[in-house]
Amino acid sequence: MNKRKIKDLLYEQVARVGKALSSPKRLELLEVLVQGEKRVDALAREVDIDIKLASSHLRVLKEARLVSSRREGRFVAYRLSGDDIGKLWVTLHTVAGEHLLELRTVLEKFVAAPESLTPETRLGLLDKAKQGEILVLDVRPAAEYRAGHLPYARSIPVQELEHRLAELSRDREIVAYCRGPFCLFATEAVALLRKKGFNASKLTDGIAEWAEAGLPLANKPDT
């Protein structure tokens, strides 16, 4: 095999990953799978498509070795094939945010209003949470919290928050987070908390962004 054919083969193999990432829905599926293993029916609900289409997208991701699967009763459960896939997702959306003005505009306007973002650095947040000076609130589904969460975080899913406000102290700042910068759970939670008189702000990090920064997670299983 000559040098040109070897180079073409190498780039072709890398391009398999690029092709698998070329669908918005497949990117969203990866973001959800960063939170932990999920069955195909749950994934379909999360990204608002039917099970057949979800299975098709997941098959593409599996063929590119980005996810793995196992049978669970009538359904198939999927998970990321390694922590490096979560890092790939963080790198991809970070690069897009740096270079695409359109993405930054949407993030600033709809996803992460600047006035609602916490001014804390990651290390500062970690230290204040450890000291009990702030409450870090994980508003993702409880199963995602159990699969891995930020240190010292407390779990109250956004769907339950309004009915559990009495559990929260008004004397402590609340910093809510969810799946990452594209997730709206924390945005909804902060809006509700502020409306009810709490001092609340949003952390744009999810567990993937936190891990990519080299910071610890709690209860994160080995992959």
Protein backbone atom coordinates (compact mmCIF):
# COMPACT_ATOMS: atom_id res chain seq x y z
CA MET A 1 0.00 0.00 0.00
CA ASN A 2 1.49 3.37 -1.03
CA LYS A 3 1.78 6.39 1.23
CA ARG A 4 -1.23 8.18 -0.27
CA LYS A 5 -3.53 5.24 0.34
CA ILE A 6 -2.27 4.91 3.90
CA LYS A 7 -2.93 8.60 4.62
CA ASP A 8 -6.38 8.39 3.02
CA LEU A 9 -7.24 5.39 5.18
CA LEU A 10 -6.09 7.13 8.35
CA TYR A 11 -8.12 10.27 7.69
CA GLU A 12 -11.10 8.18 6.65
CA GLN A 13 -11.12 6.44 10.03
CA VAL A 14 -10.94 9.72 11.94
CA ALA A 15 -13.70 11.10 9.74
CA ARG A 16 -16.00 8.35 11.04
CA VAL A 17 -16.10 10.21 14.36
CA GLY A 18 -16.76 13.53 12.62
CA LYS A 19 -19.62 12.03 10.64
CA ALA A 20 -21.15 10.57 13.79
CA LEU A 21 -21.05 14.00 15.42
CA SER A 22 -22.62 15.80 12.45
CA SER A 23 -26.22 15.53 13.75
CA PRO A 24 -27.63 17.94 16.38
CA LYS A 25 -29.68 15.13 17.89
CA ARG A 26 -26.67 12.86 18.20
CA LEU A 27 -24.79 15.64 19.98
CA GLU A 28 -27.72 16.05 22.36
CA LEU A 29 -27.77 12.29 22.97
CA LEU A 30 -24.08 12.43 23.88
CA GLU A 31 -24.72 15.29 26.32
CA VAL A 32 -27.46 13.26 28.01
CA LEU A 33 -25.24 10.17 28.13
CA VAL A 34 -22.50 12.18 29.84
CA GLN A 35 -24.88 12.16 32.82
CA GLY A 36 -24.87 8.35 32.96
CA GLU A 37 -26.24 5.23 31.32
CA LYS A 38 -29.81 5.43 30.01
CA ARG A 39 -32.21 3.17 28.17
CA VAL A 40 -33.17 4.02 24.61
CA ASP A 41 -36.75 4.85 25.60
CA ALA A 42 -35.53 7.36 28.21
CA LEU A 43 -33.07 8.86 25.72
CA ALA A 44 -35.84 9.26 23.14
CA ARG A 45 -37.94 11.19 25.66
CA GLU A 46 -35.02 13.37 26.71
CA VAL A 47 -34.25 14.55 23.17
CA ASP A 48 -37.90 14.58 22.04
CA ILE A 49 -37.80 12.01 19.24
CA ASP A 50 -39.40 8.60 18.82
CA ILE A 51 -37.66 5.40 19.89
CA LYS A 52 -37.04 4.24 16.33
CA LEU A 53 -35.21 7.43 15.41
CA ALA A 54 -33.30 7.44 18.70
CA SER A 55 -32.18 3.87 18.03
CA SER A 56 -31.00 4.89 14.57
CA HIS A 57 -28.94 7.79 15.93
CA LEU A 58 -27.50 5.62 18.69
CA ARG A 59 -26.53 2.97 16.15
CA VAL A 60 -24.47 5.59 14.28
CA LEU A 61 -22.75 6.62 17.52
CA LYS A 62 -22.07 2.98 18.35
CA GLU A 63 -20.60 2.27 14.91
CA ALA A 64 -18.16 5.13 15.55
CA ARG A 65 -17.33 3.53 18.93
CA LEU A 66 -18.55 6.59 20.83
CA VAL A 67 -21.13 4.64 22.83
CA SER A 68 -21.59 1.06 23.95
CA SER A 69 -24.77 -0.83 24.76
CA ARG A 70 -26.25 -3.69 26.74
CA ARG A 71 -29.62 -5.38 26.76
CA GLU A 72 -31.96 -4.44 29.62
CA GLY A 73 -35.24 -6.33 29.35
CA ARG A 74 -37.14 -5.25 26.23
CA PHE A 75 -34.89 -2.26 25.75
CA VAL A 76 -31.22 -1.50 25.14
CA ALA A 77 -29.28 0.70 27.54
CA TYR A 78 -26.49 2.94 26.26
CA ARG A 79 -23.49 4.57 27.86
CA LEU A 80 -20.46 6.51 26.67
CA SER A 81 -17.60 4.25 25.66
CA GLY A 82 -15.18 6.23 27.85
CA ASP A 83 -14.65 9.44 29.81
CA ASP A 84 -12.80 10.83 26.80
CA ILE A 85 -16.11 11.04 24.94
CA GLY A 86 -17.37 13.48 27.58
CA LYS A 87 -14.18 15.48 27.11
CA LEU A 88 -14.75 15.45 23.35
CA TRP A 89 -18.22 16.94 23.85
CA VAL A 90 -16.83 19.70 26.08
CA THR A 91 -14.07 20.50 23.59
CA LEU A 92 -16.54 20.59 20.71
CA HIS A 93 -19.04 22.97 22.29
CA THR A 94 -16.23 25.12 23.75
CA VAL A 95 -14.61 25.57 20.33
CA ALA A 96 -18.02 26.30 18.79
CA GLY A 97 -18.69 28.90 21.48
CA GLU A 98 -15.34 30.56 20.87
CA HIS A 99 -15.74 30.84 17.11
CA LEU A 100 -19.47 31.01 16.36
CA LEU A 101 -21.02 34.37 17.16
CA GLU A 102 -24.45 32.89 16.50
CA LEU A 103 -23.97 30.33 19.26
CA ARG A 104 -22.73 32.93 21.74
CA THR A 105 -25.75 35.11 20.97
CA VAL A 106 -28.18 32.27 21.66
CA LEU A 107 -26.38 31.29 24.86
CA GLU A 108 -26.40 34.84 26.19
CA LYS A 109 -30.01 35.50 25.28
CA PHE A 110 -31.81 32.26 26.08
CA VAL A 111 -29.65 29.75 27.91
CA ALA A 112 -27.45 31.63 30.35
CA ALA A 113 -28.55 35.20 30.99
CA PRO A 114 -25.41 36.99 32.28
CA GLU A 115 -27.20 38.53 35.26
CA SER A 116 -28.13 35.07 36.57
CA LEU A 117 -24.66 33.51 36.38
CA THR A 118 -22.59 32.93 39.48
CA PRO A 119 -19.43 35.05 39.66
CA GLU A 120 -17.63 32.32 41.58
CA THR A 121 -14.62 30.53 40.12
CA ARG A 122 -14.75 26.76 40.17
CA LEU A 123 -12.26 26.50 43.01
CA GLY A 124 -13.96 29.31 44.88
CA LEU A 125 -17.30 27.57 44.51
CA LEU A 126 -15.83 24.28 45.71
CA ASP A 127 -14.31 25.93 48.77
CA LYS A 128 -17.50 27.82 49.71
CA ALA A 129 -19.61 24.70 49.24
CA LYS A 130 -17.24 22.75 51.48
CA GLN A 131 -17.47 25.45 54.15
CA GLY A 132 -21.26 25.50 53.88
CA GLU A 133 -21.31 29.14 52.78
CA ILE A 134 -23.33 28.34 49.67
CA LEU A 135 -25.67 25.53 48.63
CA VAL A 136 -24.84 23.85 45.34
CA LEU A 137 -28.11 22.53 43.95
CA ASP A 138 -28.20 19.76 41.35
CA VAL A 139 -31.50 20.10 39.50
CA ARG A 140 -31.03 17.19 37.09
CA PRO A 141 -33.09 14.00 37.45
CA ALA A 142 -32.20 12.10 40.62
CA ALA A 143 -30.74 9.13 38.71
CA GLU A 144 -28.20 11.44 37.05
CA TYR A 145 -27.22 12.85 40.42
CA ARG A 146 -26.64 9.33 41.74
CA ALA A 147 -24.46 8.52 38.73
CA GLY A 148 -22.12 11.41 39.51
CA HIS A 149 -22.37 14.97 40.77
CA LEU A 150 -20.41 17.98 41.94
CA PRO A 151 -18.94 17.69 45.44
CA TYR A 152 -21.21 18.86 48.29
CA ALA A 153 -24.15 19.24 45.89
CA ARG A 154 -27.70 18.50 46.97
CA SER A 155 -30.22 16.93 44.63
CA ILE A 156 -33.63 18.50 44.01
CA PRO A 157 -34.81 17.84 40.44
CA VAL A 158 -36.25 20.93 38.80
CA GLN A 159 -39.65 19.24 38.47
CA GLU A 160 -39.82 18.88 42.27
CA LEU A 161 -38.30 22.21 43.23
CA GLU A 162 -41.45 24.30 43.68
CA HIS A 163 -42.90 21.73 46.08
CA ARG A 164 -39.67 21.45 48.10
CA LEU A 165 -38.78 25.10 48.64
CA ALA A 166 -39.40 24.72 52.37
CA GLU A 167 -36.30 22.48 52.52
CA LEU A 168 -34.07 25.38 51.45
CA SER A 169 -32.61 28.09 53.64
CA ARG A 170 -33.10 31.71 52.62
CA ASP A 171 -29.94 32.65 54.51
CA ARG A 172 -27.59 30.89 52.11
CA GLU A 173 -26.83 31.65 48.48
CA ILE A 174 -27.94 28.89 46.12
CA VAL A 175 -25.98 27.98 42.99
CA ALA A 176 -27.91 25.67 40.67
CA TYR A 177 -26.41 23.54 37.92
CA CYS A 178 -27.61 20.90 35.49
CA ARG A 179 -26.12 19.16 32.44
CA GLY A 180 -23.98 21.99 31.12
CA PRO A 181 -24.21 25.28 29.23
CA PHE A 182 -26.96 24.10 26.86
CA CYS A 183 -29.21 22.75 29.61
CA LEU A 184 -32.23 24.79 30.71
CA PHE A 185 -33.03 23.02 33.99
CA ALA A 186 -30.82 25.34 36.04
CA THR A 187 -32.12 28.41 34.21
CA GLU A 188 -35.67 27.41 35.12
CA ALA A 189 -34.64 26.66 38.71
CA VAL A 190 -32.92 30.01 39.20
CA ALA A 191 -35.91 31.88 37.78
CA LEU A 192 -38.23 30.09 40.20
CA LEU A 193 -35.94 30.58 43.20
CA ARG A 194 -35.50 34.30 42.52
CA LYS A 195 -39.24 34.72 42.08
CA LYS A 196 -39.72 33.15 45.51
CA GLY A 197 -37.17 35.45 47.14
CA PHE A 198 -34.07 33.25 47.24
CA ASN A 199 -30.59 34.48 46.40
CA ALA A 200 -29.88 32.16 43.48
CA SER A 201 -27.56 32.01 40.49
CA LYS A 202 -26.58 29.50 37.83
CA LEU A 203 -23.37 27.58 37.23
CA THR A 204 -23.01 26.85 33.51
CA ASP A 205 -20.81 23.81 34.17
CA GLY A 206 -22.17 20.31 34.14
CA ILE A 207 -20.23 17.30 35.35
CA ALA A 208 -18.37 17.00 32.02
CA GLU A 209 -17.11 20.59 32.16
CA TRP A 210 -16.17 20.18 35.81
CA ALA A 211 -14.24 16.97 35.11
CA GLU A 212 -12.52 18.48 32.08
CA ALA A 213 -11.22 21.26 34.35
CA GLY A 214 -9.54 18.56 36.46
CA LEU A 215 -11.87 18.94 39.44
CA PRO A 216 -13.31 16.03 41.42
CA LEU A 217 -16.77 14.54 41.12
CA ALA A 218 -18.71 12.65 43.76
CA ASN A 219 -20.05 9.13 43.14
CA LYS A 220 -18.73 9.03 39.58
CA PRO A 221 -18.48 5.34 38.61
CA ASP A 222 -15.67 3.92 36.51
CA THR A 223 -16.52 3.59 32.84
